[in-house]
Amino acid sequence: MRTKAGRKRRLEDALAALKADEVSDELQQEQVKWLEDALRELDAPAEGKMTS
């Protein structure tokens, strides 16, 4: 994805799919955490980072 909005939409879609899947709770929780962390990172104010 080239835009922040596009990356955010992909992460949100992945989270929704994961939560609807029949994945074991332990694995699912770990994957949800990774995706939520990535979303928070996208939403955080840029601190000296160059973004495209």
PDB file of N, CA and C in Angstrom:
ATOM      1  N   MET A   1       0.835  -1.180   0.000  1.00  0.00           N
ATOM      2  CA  MET A   1       0.000   0.000   0.000  1.00  0.00           C
ATOM      3  C   MET A   1       0.882   1.245   0.000  1.00  0.00           C
ATOM      4  N   ARG A   2       0.476   2.199  -0.721  1.00  0.00           N
ATOM      5  CA  ARG A   2       1.276   3.411  -0.836  1.00  0.00           C
ATOM      6  C   ARG A   2       0.842   4.496   0.134  1.00  0.00           C
ATOM      7  N   THR A   3      -0.405   4.470   0.558  1.00  0.00           N
ATOM      8  CA  THR A   3      -0.877   5.538   1.430  1.00  0.00           C
ATOM      9  C   THR A   3      -1.140   5.024   2.833  1.00  0.00           C
ATOM     10  N   LYS A   4      -1.088   5.942   3.772  1.00  0.00           N
ATOM     11  CA  LYS A   4      -1.378   5.590   5.163  1.00  0.00           C
ATOM     12  C   LYS A   4      -2.809   5.062   5.276  1.00  0.00           C
ATOM     13  N   ALA A   5      -3.741   5.704   4.593  1.00  0.00           N
ATOM     14  CA  ALA A   5      -5.141   5.265   4.637  1.00  0.00           C
ATOM     15  C   ALA A   5      -5.293   3.854   4.066  1.00  0.00           C
ATOM     16  N   GLY A   6      -4.564   3.564   3.019  1.00  0.00           N
ATOM     17  CA  GLY A   6      -4.616   2.232   2.428  1.00  0.00           C
ATOM     18  C   GLY A   6      -4.061   1.173   3.361  1.00  0.00           C
ATOM     19  N   ARG A   7      -2.931   1.478   3.995  1.00  0.00           N
ATOM     20  CA  ARG A   7      -2.344   0.535   4.961  1.00  0.00           C
ATOM     21  C   ARG A   7      -3.288   0.320   6.132  1.00  0.00           C
ATOM     22  N   LYS A   8      -3.890   1.410   6.601  1.00  0.00           N
ATOM     23  CA  LYS A   8      -4.816   1.309   7.735  1.00  0.00           C
ATOM     24  C   LYS A   8      -6.021   0.441   7.363  1.00  0.00           C
ATOM     25  N   ARG A   9      -6.551   0.645   6.175  1.00  0.00           N
ATOM     26  CA  ARG A   9      -7.709  -0.139   5.732  1.00  0.00           C
ATOM     27  C   ARG A   9      -7.351  -1.629   5.654  1.00  0.00           C
ATOM     28  N   ARG A  10      -6.160  -1.958   5.132  1.00  0.00           N
ATOM     29  CA  ARG A  10      -5.732  -3.361   5.051  1.00  0.00           C
ATOM     30  C   ARG A  10      -5.590  -3.973   6.436  1.00  0.00           C
ATOM     31  N   LEU A  11      -5.019  -3.217   7.380  1.00  0.00           N
ATOM     32  CA  LEU A  11      -4.868  -3.727   8.744  1.00  0.00           C
ATOM     33  C   LEU A  11      -6.227  -3.943   9.396  1.00  0.00           C
ATOM     34  N   GLU A  12      -7.140  -2.992   9.201  1.00  0.00           N
ATOM     35  CA  GLU A  12      -8.482  -3.131   9.778  1.00  0.00           C
ATOM     36  C   GLU A  12      -9.218  -4.333   9.179  1.00  0.00           C
ATOM     37  N   ASP A  13      -9.069  -4.530   7.863  1.00  0.00           N
ATOM     38  CA  ASP A  13      -9.691  -5.687   7.208  1.00  0.00           C
ATOM     39  C   ASP A  13      -9.110  -6.991   7.745  1.00  0.00           C
ATOM     40  N   ALA A  14      -7.787  -7.017   7.940  1.00  0.00           N
ATOM     41  CA  ALA A  14      -7.139  -8.216   8.472  1.00  0.00           C
ATOM     42  C   ALA A  14      -7.614  -8.512   9.890  1.00  0.00           C
ATOM     43  N   LEU A  15      -7.762  -7.466  10.705  1.00  0.00           N
ATOM     44  CA  LEU A  15      -8.266  -7.652  12.067  1.00  0.00           C
ATOM     45  C   LEU A  15      -9.674  -8.232  12.060  1.00  0.00           C
ATOM     46  N   ALA A  16     -10.533  -7.685  11.221  1.00  0.00           N
ATOM     47  CA  ALA A  16     -11.914  -8.171  11.150  1.00  0.00           C
ATOM     48  C   ALA A  16     -11.957  -9.629  10.705  1.00  0.00           C
ATOM     49  N   ALA A  17     -11.158  -9.976   9.706  1.00  0.00           N
ATOM     50  CA  ALA A  17     -11.128 -11.366   9.222  1.00  0.00           C
ATOM     51  C   ALA A  17     -10.606 -12.302  10.298  1.00  0.00           C
ATOM     52  N   LEU A  18      -9.577 -11.883  10.995  1.00  0.00           N
ATOM     53  CA  LEU A  18      -8.989 -12.718  12.044  1.00  0.00           C
ATOM     54  C   LEU A  18      -9.983 -12.958  13.177  1.00  0.00           C
ATOM     55  N   LYS A  19     -10.686 -11.921  13.579  1.00  0.00           N
ATOM     56  CA  LYS A  19     -11.644 -12.060  14.675  1.00  0.00           C
ATOM     57  C   LYS A  19     -12.820 -12.948  14.287  1.00  0.00           C
ATOM     58  N   ALA A  20     -13.118 -13.050  12.995  1.00  0.00           N
ATOM     59  CA  ALA A  20     -14.233 -13.876  12.526  1.00  0.00           C
ATOM     60  C   ALA A  20     -13.796 -15.308  12.230  1.00  0.00           C
ATOM     61  N   ASP A  21     -12.492 -15.573  12.266  1.00  0.00           N
ATOM     62  CA  ASP A  21     -11.946 -16.876  11.905  1.00  0.00           C
ATOM     63  C   ASP A  21     -11.998 -17.841  13.095  1.00  0.00           C
ATOM     64  N   GLU A  22     -11.806 -19.113  12.799  1.00  0.00           N
ATOM     65  CA  GLU A  22     -11.809 -20.163  13.817  1.00  0.00           C
ATOM     66  C   GLU A  22     -10.393 -20.484  14.287  1.00  0.00           C
ATOM     67  N   VAL A  23      -9.568 -19.472  14.453  1.00  0.00           N
ATOM     68  CA  VAL A  23      -8.189 -19.653  14.901  1.00  0.00           C
ATOM     69  C   VAL A  23      -8.186 -19.849  16.416  1.00  0.00           C
ATOM     70  N   SER A  24      -7.248 -20.655  16.914  1.00  0.00           N
ATOM     71  CA  SER A  24      -7.169 -20.884  18.357  1.00  0.00           C
ATOM     72  C   SER A  24      -7.000 -19.550  19.081  1.00  0.00           C
ATOM     73  N   ASP A  25      -7.552 -19.456  20.282  1.00  0.00           N
ATOM     74  CA  ASP A  25      -7.553 -18.201  21.021  1.00  0.00           C
ATOM     75  C   ASP A  25      -6.157 -17.645  21.257  1.00  0.00           C
ATOM     76  N   GLU A  26      -5.210 -18.496  21.618  1.00  0.00           N
ATOM     77  CA  GLU A  26      -3.862 -18.019  21.923  1.00  0.00           C
ATOM     78  C   GLU A  26      -3.194 -17.402  20.690  1.00  0.00           C
ATOM     79  N   LEU A  27      -3.271 -18.106  19.576  1.00  0.00           N
ATOM     80  CA  LEU A  27      -2.679 -17.599  18.339  1.00  0.00           C
ATOM     81  C   LEU A  27      -3.416 -16.350  17.879  1.00  0.00           C
ATOM     82  N   GLN A  28      -4.722 -16.375  17.977  1.00  0.00           N
ATOM     83  CA  GLN A  28      -5.530 -15.240  17.550  1.00  0.00           C
ATOM     84  C   GLN A  28      -5.181 -13.996  18.364  1.00  0.00           C
ATOM     85  N   GLN A  29      -5.042 -14.131  19.664  1.00  0.00           N
ATOM     86  CA  GLN A  29      -4.711 -12.989  20.510  1.00  0.00           C
ATOM     87  C   GLN A  29      -3.369 -12.380  20.132  1.00  0.00           C
ATOM     88  N   GLU A  30      -2.399 -13.226  19.809  1.00  0.00           N
ATOM     89  CA  GLU A  30      -1.082 -12.741  19.416  1.00  0.00           C
ATOM     90  C   GLU A  30      -1.164 -11.977  18.087  1.00  0.00           C
ATOM     91  N   GLN A  31      -1.888 -12.526  17.134  1.00  0.00           N
ATOM     92  CA  GLN A  31      -2.023 -11.870  15.835  1.00  0.00           C
ATOM     93  C   GLN A  31      -2.815 -10.571  15.949  1.00  0.00           C
ATOM     94  N   VAL A  32      -3.862 -10.562  16.759  1.00  0.00           N
ATOM     95  CA  VAL A  32      -4.646  -9.343  16.974  1.00  0.00           C
ATOM     96  C   VAL A  32      -3.759  -8.260  17.583  1.00  0.00           C
ATOM     97  N   LYS A  33      -2.910  -8.639  18.544  1.00  0.00           N
ATOM     98  CA  LYS A  33      -2.010  -7.668  19.162  1.00  0.00           C
ATOM     99  C   LYS A  33      -1.078  -7.052  18.129  1.00  0.00           C
ATOM    100  N   TRP A  34      -0.499  -7.891  17.246  1.00  0.00           N
ATOM    101  CA  TRP A  34       0.410  -7.378  16.211  1.00  0.00           C
ATOM    102  C   TRP A  34      -0.301  -6.371  15.316  1.00  0.00           C
ATOM    103  N   LEU A  35      -1.519  -6.723  14.890  1.00  0.00           N
ATOM    104  CA  LEU A  35      -2.262  -5.836  13.993  1.00  0.00           C
ATOM    105  C   LEU A  35      -2.670  -4.541  14.694  1.00  0.00           C
ATOM    106  N   GLU A  36      -3.125  -4.647  15.943  1.00  0.00           N
ATOM    107  CA  GLU A  36      -3.512  -3.447  16.684  1.00  0.00           C
ATOM    108  C   GLU A  36      -2.301  -2.548  16.942  1.00  0.00           C
ATOM    109  N   ASP A  37      -1.142  -3.150  17.226  1.00  0.00           N
ATOM    110  CA  ASP A  37       0.086  -2.367  17.399  1.00  0.00           C
ATOM    111  C   ASP A  37       0.436  -1.624  16.111  1.00  0.00           C
ATOM    112  N   ALA A  38       0.287  -2.300  14.981  1.00  0.00           N
ATOM    113  CA  ALA A  38       0.579  -1.670  13.692  1.00  0.00           C
ATOM    114  C   ALA A  38      -0.381  -0.508  13.423  1.00  0.00           C
ATOM    115  N   LEU A  39      -1.649  -0.685  13.777  1.00  0.00           N
ATOM    116  CA  LEU A  39      -2.621   0.402  13.608  1.00  0.00           C
ATOM    117  C   LEU A  39      -2.267   1.592  14.490  1.00  0.00           C
ATOM    118  N   ARG A  40      -1.898   1.321  15.747  1.00  0.00           N
ATOM    119  CA  ARG A  40      -1.514   2.416  16.650  1.00  0.00           C
ATOM    120  C   ARG A  40      -0.294   3.157  16.111  1.00  0.00           C
ATOM    121  N   GLU A  41       0.644   2.413  15.554  1.00  0.00           N
ATOM    122  CA  GLU A  41       1.839   3.035  14.996  1.00  0.00           C
ATOM    123  C   GLU A  41       1.481   3.947  13.825  1.00  0.00           C
ATOM    124  N   LEU A  42       0.534   3.518  13.003  1.00  0.00           N
ATOM    125  CA  LEU A  42       0.098   4.359  11.882  1.00  0.00           C
ATOM    126  C   LEU A  42      -0.599   5.626  12.374  1.00  0.00           C
ATOM    127  N   ASP A  43      -1.365   5.500  13.448  1.00  0.00           N
ATOM    128  CA  ASP A  43      -2.124   6.631  13.972  1.00  0.00           C
ATOM    129  C   ASP A  43      -1.293   7.574  14.826  1.00  0.00           C
ATOM    130  N   ALA A  44      -0.138   7.115  15.290  1.00  0.00           N
ATOM    131  CA  ALA A  44       0.707   7.934  16.156  1.00  0.00           C
ATOM    132  C   ALA A  44       1.299   9.096  15.349  1.00  0.00           C
ATOM    133  N   PRO A  45       1.477  10.238  16.002  1.00  0.00           N
ATOM    134  CA  PRO A  45       2.098  11.363  15.295  1.00  0.00           C
ATOM    135  C   PRO A  45       3.512  10.991  14.883  1.00  0.00           C
ATOM    136  N   ALA A  46       3.891  11.423  13.717  1.00  0.00           N
ATOM    137  CA  ALA A  46       5.235  11.127  13.213  1.00  0.00           C
ATOM    138  C   ALA A  46       6.264  11.871  14.053  1.00  0.00           C
ATOM    139  N   GLU A  47       7.234  11.129  14.548  1.00  0.00           N
ATOM    140  CA  GLU A  47       8.298  11.718  15.363  1.00  0.00           C
ATOM    141  C   GLU A  47       9.599  11.623  14.597  1.00  0.00           C
ATOM    142  N   GLY A  48       9.809  12.562  13.700  1.00  0.00           N
ATOM    143  CA  GLY A  48      11.041  12.564  12.925  1.00  0.00           C
ATOM    144  C   GLY A  48      11.079  11.501  11.853  1.00  0.00           C
ATOM    145  N   LYS A  49       9.930  10.869  11.577  1.00  0.00           N
ATOM    146  CA  LYS A  49       9.880   9.841  10.544  1.00  0.00           C
ATOM    147  C   LYS A  49       9.436  10.476   9.236  1.00  0.00           C
ATOM    148  N   MET A  50      10.006  10.010   8.157  1.00  0.00           N
ATOM    149  CA  MET A  50       9.566  10.447   6.852  1.00  0.00           C
ATOM    150  C   MET A  50       8.526   9.447   6.373  1.00  0.00           C
ATOM    151  N   THR A  51       7.388   9.928   5.931  1.00  0.00           N
ATOM    152  CA  THR A  51       6.330   9.038   5.444  1.00  0.00           C
ATOM    153  C   THR A  51       6.075   9.324   3.991  1.00  0.00           C
ATOM    154  N   SER A  52       5.533   8.326   3.309  1.00  0.00           N
ATOM    155  CA  SER A  52       5.219   8.513   1.895  1.00  0.00           C
ATOM    156  C   SER A  52       3.765   8.846   1.717  1.00  0.00           C
TER     157      SER A  52
END
